[in-house]
Protein backbone atom coordinates (compact mmCIF):
# COMPACT_ATOMS: atom_id res chain seq x y z
CA MET A 1 56.56 19.51 3.35
CA GLN A 2 55.07 21.74 0.64
CA GLU A 3 53.01 18.81 -0.68
CA GLN A 4 51.59 18.21 2.81
CA GLU A 5 50.61 21.89 3.08
CA GLU A 6 48.89 21.72 -0.31
CA ASN A 7 46.98 18.61 0.78
CA GLU A 8 45.90 20.32 3.98
CA SER A 9 44.77 23.35 1.98
CA ASP A 10 42.79 21.11 -0.38
CA ASN A 11 41.21 19.34 2.59
CA ALA A 12 40.26 22.69 4.14
CA ASP A 13 38.67 23.76 0.84
CA ASP A 14 36.76 20.47 0.63
CA ILE A 15 35.50 20.87 4.19
CA ALA A 16 34.43 24.46 3.54
CA GLU A 17 32.57 23.39 0.38
CA TYR A 18 30.89 20.54 2.27
CA MET A 19 29.80 22.87 5.07
CA MET A 20 28.24 25.25 2.53
CA TYR A 21 26.40 22.29 1.04
CA ILE A 22 25.11 21.22 4.46
CA ALA A 23 23.94 24.76 5.19
CA ALA A 24 22.05 24.91 1.89
CA VAL A 25 20.40 21.56 2.52
CA SER A 26 19.40 22.51 6.04
CA GLU A 27 17.82 25.70 4.75
CA GLY A 28 15.80 23.78 2.21
CA SER A 29 17.14 25.61 -0.83
CA GLU A 30 18.38 22.48 -2.50
CA LYS A 31 14.93 20.94 -2.35
CA TYR A 32 13.52 23.84 -4.36
CA GLU A 33 16.48 23.92 -6.71
CA ARG A 34 15.83 20.27 -7.57
CA GLU A 35 12.13 20.96 -8.15
CA PHE A 36 12.83 23.87 -10.47
CA GLU A 37 15.63 22.06 -12.31
CA ARG A 38 13.06 19.37 -13.05
CA LEU A 39 10.64 22.02 -14.31
CA GLN A 40 13.38 23.54 -16.43
CA GLN A 41 13.62 20.21 -18.24
CA LEU A 42 9.92 20.54 -19.09
CA VAL A 43 10.64 24.00 -20.51
CA ILE A 44 13.41 22.56 -22.65
CA ALA A 45 11.04 19.82 -23.82
CA SER A 46 8.50 22.57 -24.66
CA ASN A 47 5.78 20.88 -22.66
CA GLY A 48 3.93 23.94 -21.36
CA GLU A 49 0.79 22.09 -20.27
CA VAL A 50 2.70 19.64 -18.09
CA LEU A 51 4.82 22.50 -16.74
CA GLN A 52 1.70 24.41 -15.67
CA GLN A 53 0.26 21.30 -14.01
CA GLU A 54 3.52 20.73 -12.14
CA LEU A 55 3.61 24.34 -10.95
CA GLN A 56 0.06 24.02 -9.64
CA LYS A 57 0.99 20.79 -7.87
CA LEU A 58 3.99 22.46 -6.23
CA ASP A 59 1.85 25.45 -5.25
CA ARG A 60 -0.48 23.12 -3.37
CA GLU A 61 2.37 21.20 -1.77
CA TYR A 62 4.29 24.28 -0.60
CA HIS A 63 1.35 26.69 -0.17
CA SER A 64 2.59 27.93 3.20
CA ASP A 65 6.31 28.13 2.41
CA GLY A 66 7.57 31.59 1.51
CA GLU A 67 10.94 30.30 0.35
CA TYR A 68 9.21 28.17 -2.27
CA PHE A 69 7.47 31.23 -3.70
CA LEU A 70 10.80 33.10 -3.85
CA HIS A 71 12.24 30.28 -5.92
CA LYS A 72 9.10 30.14 -8.03
CA GLY A 73 9.29 33.87 -8.73
CA CYS A 74 12.90 33.61 -9.84
CA PHE A 75 12.08 30.64 -12.06
CA LEU A 76 9.12 32.36 -13.67
CA ALA A 77 11.07 35.55 -14.36
CA ASP A 78 14.47 34.14 -15.27
CA GLU A 79 13.56 30.95 -17.09
CA LEU A 80 10.17 31.76 -18.59
CA GLY A 81 10.08 35.55 -18.82
CA ARG A 82 6.68 35.51 -17.11
CA HIS A 83 7.28 38.63 -15.06
CA GLU A 84 3.71 39.35 -13.93
CA GLU A 85 3.37 35.83 -12.54
CA ALA A 86 6.80 36.14 -10.95
CA LEU A 87 5.73 39.34 -9.22
CA GLU A 88 2.67 37.54 -7.86
CA ALA A 89 4.88 34.73 -6.53
CA PHE A 90 7.12 37.29 -4.80
CA ARG A 91 4.03 38.92 -3.26
CA GLN A 92 2.94 35.53 -1.93
CA ALA A 93 6.39 35.04 -0.41
CA VAL A 94 6.09 38.40 1.38
CA ASP A 95 2.57 37.58 2.58
CA ILE A 96 3.70 34.24 4.00
CA THR A 97 7.01 35.40 5.50
CA PRO A 98 6.91 39.20 5.94
CA ALA A 99 9.92 39.13 8.27
CA ASP A 100 12.15 37.41 5.70
CA PRO A 101 14.54 40.02 4.28
CA PHE A 102 14.89 38.07 1.03
CA ALA A 103 11.15 38.12 0.50
CA VAL A 104 10.89 41.84 1.13
């Protein structure tokens, strides 16, 4: 009986984790996380020129997506220490989505 309860608890945890994953995917966050994980590999490889080109490419692709610029700002500040550029990315996020509480 106790083993069955533990299995049910594990199943409930798995379902909860899966639902959180689905929510993240539906919000688009995972898409940006994948993009910036890829860019992080360029940082590790110390390929600054390619990194800059990739950022410009992403800027063009997601030019009207405030969530992208939030992720970009975090990446620039946290991973690269480029705080002025990060601040500009956050400003772009606010300009694009002024009603988004995360952007503000």
